[in-house]
Amino acid sequence: MDCIFCKIVEGSIPSNKVYENDSVVAFHDIQPAAPVHILIIPKKHIPTMNDAAPEDNELIGDIFAAARHIAKELGIAEDGYRLINNVNSDGGQVVYHLHVHLLGGKKLGSLLA
């Protein structure tokens, strides 16, 4: 498989990990859009949120539990943070391995006007 995130999971591409458990890995984004920009990915390859099956529901929950933990550990939980999941090209997805962006460390502008 030629998925960069799968290669990070297997350890063949290095990353600056901040969290890992049996089901997810989280690491610093190499092109941060905020002072804190972490990518949280499942170890299982799921191309997009549209491809997540009912049996992946617990795994999706693990991603959000990891986000909560990381936000607390990095000291941004109280001030606030944003979680973003881009789906397919019109949604802004670039890497086709399900992932959630955790952004924080500054006041983030509204996405909805």
Protein backbone atom coordinates (compact mmCIF):
# COMPACT_ATOMS: atom_id res chain seq x y z
CA MET A 1 0.00 0.00 0.00
CA ASP A 2 1.30 3.45 -0.85
CA CYS A 3 -0.40 5.33 2.01
CA ILE A 4 1.87 7.73 3.88
CA PHE A 5 -0.17 7.39 7.08
CA CYS A 6 0.01 3.58 6.93
CA LYS A 7 3.79 3.94 6.63
CA ILE A 8 3.79 6.16 9.73
CA VAL A 9 1.74 3.52 11.58
CA GLU A 10 4.19 0.76 10.58
CA GLY A 11 7.18 2.96 11.50
CA SER A 12 8.81 3.11 8.06
CA ILE A 13 8.27 6.90 7.94
CA PRO A 14 9.22 8.83 11.09
CA SER A 15 6.79 11.16 12.83
CA ASN A 16 6.81 13.34 15.92
CA LYS A 17 4.32 11.23 17.91
CA VAL A 18 2.43 12.69 20.84
CA TYR A 19 0.15 9.73 21.54
CA GLU A 20 -0.28 6.09 20.63
CA ASN A 21 -2.44 3.21 21.82
CA ASP A 22 -3.60 -0.07 20.29
CA SER A 23 -5.95 1.60 17.81
CA VAL A 24 -4.70 5.14 17.04
CA VAL A 25 -1.55 7.19 16.53
CA ALA A 26 -1.28 10.97 16.90
CA PHE A 27 1.57 13.14 15.68
CA HIS A 28 2.45 16.74 14.85
CA ASP A 29 1.39 17.93 11.39
CA ILE A 30 4.45 18.86 9.30
CA GLN A 31 2.59 21.91 7.91
CA PRO A 32 0.86 23.30 11.03
CA ALA A 33 -2.13 25.61 10.58
CA ALA A 34 -2.10 26.62 14.28
CA PRO A 35 0.41 26.62 17.16
CA VAL A 36 -0.91 23.16 18.05
CA HIS A 37 -1.73 21.00 15.04
CA ILE A 38 -1.93 17.27 15.68
CA LEU A 39 -3.13 14.57 13.29
CA ILE A 40 -4.97 11.66 14.90
CA ILE A 41 -5.24 8.57 12.72
CA PRO A 42 -6.57 5.06 13.18
CA LYS A 43 -4.01 2.30 12.75
CA LYS A 44 -6.54 0.57 10.52
CA HIS A 45 -6.57 1.94 6.98
CA ILE A 46 -9.95 3.55 6.29
CA PRO A 47 -9.77 5.87 3.26
CA THR A 48 -12.49 8.37 4.28
CA MET A 49 -15.21 8.79 6.88
CA ASN A 50 -17.60 7.56 4.17
CA ASP A 51 -15.73 4.24 4.21
CA ALA A 52 -16.07 3.70 7.96
CA ALA A 53 -18.28 0.67 8.62
CA PRO A 54 -20.54 0.07 11.62
CA GLU A 55 -17.83 -2.13 13.12
CA ASP A 56 -15.52 0.93 13.08
CA ASN A 57 -17.75 2.93 15.45
CA GLU A 58 -15.62 2.07 18.49
CA LEU A 59 -12.48 3.03 16.57
CA ILE A 60 -14.01 6.42 15.67
CA GLY A 61 -14.77 6.88 19.36
CA ASP A 62 -11.13 6.05 20.15
CA ILE A 63 -10.01 8.90 17.88
CA PHE A 64 -12.15 11.39 19.79
CA ALA A 65 -11.04 9.99 23.16
CA ALA A 66 -7.43 10.44 22.02
CA ALA A 67 -8.20 14.04 21.00
CA ARG A 68 -9.59 14.78 24.48
CA HIS A 69 -6.52 13.25 26.13
CA ILE A 70 -4.05 15.06 23.87
CA ALA A 71 -5.78 18.44 24.34
CA LYS A 72 -5.50 18.03 28.12
CA GLU A 73 -1.87 16.89 27.91
CA LEU A 74 -0.92 19.84 25.68
CA GLY A 75 -2.74 22.33 27.91
CA ILE A 76 -5.31 23.52 25.38
CA ALA A 77 -8.42 21.73 26.65
CA GLU A 78 -9.65 24.57 28.87
CA ASP A 79 -9.16 27.40 26.36
CA GLY A 80 -10.55 25.32 23.52
CA TYR A 81 -9.58 23.54 20.35
CA ARG A 82 -11.06 22.44 17.04
CA LEU A 83 -11.40 18.97 15.54
CA ILE A 84 -11.66 18.72 11.76
CA ASN A 85 -12.24 15.71 9.52
CA ASN A 86 -12.05 16.49 5.81
CA VAL A 87 -13.88 14.06 3.50
CA ASN A 88 -13.00 13.67 -0.19
CA SER A 89 -11.66 16.37 -2.50
CA ASP A 90 -14.43 18.96 -2.12
CA GLY A 91 -14.09 18.60 1.66
CA GLY A 92 -10.36 19.28 1.46
CA GLN A 93 -9.05 15.76 2.05
CA VAL A 94 -5.51 15.30 0.71
CA VAL A 95 -4.38 12.03 2.31
CA TYR A 96 -6.91 9.23 1.85
CA HIS A 97 -6.50 7.64 5.27
CA LEU A 98 -9.13 8.78 7.76
CA HIS A 99 -7.67 11.42 10.08
CA VAL A 100 -8.77 14.17 12.41
CA HIS A 101 -6.92 17.46 12.78
CA LEU A 102 -6.68 18.78 16.35
CA LEU A 103 -6.02 22.53 16.18
CA GLY A 104 -5.47 24.92 19.07
CA GLY A 105 -3.05 27.11 20.96
CA LYS A 106 -4.66 30.34 19.78
CA LYS A 107 -8.13 31.78 19.30
CA LEU A 108 -9.46 30.21 16.12
CA GLY A 109 -11.74 32.19 13.83
CA SER A 110 -15.22 31.05 13.01
CA LEU A 111 -15.59 28.79 9.99
CA LEU A 112 -19.26 29.66 9.69
CA ALA A 113 -20.27 33.20 8.85
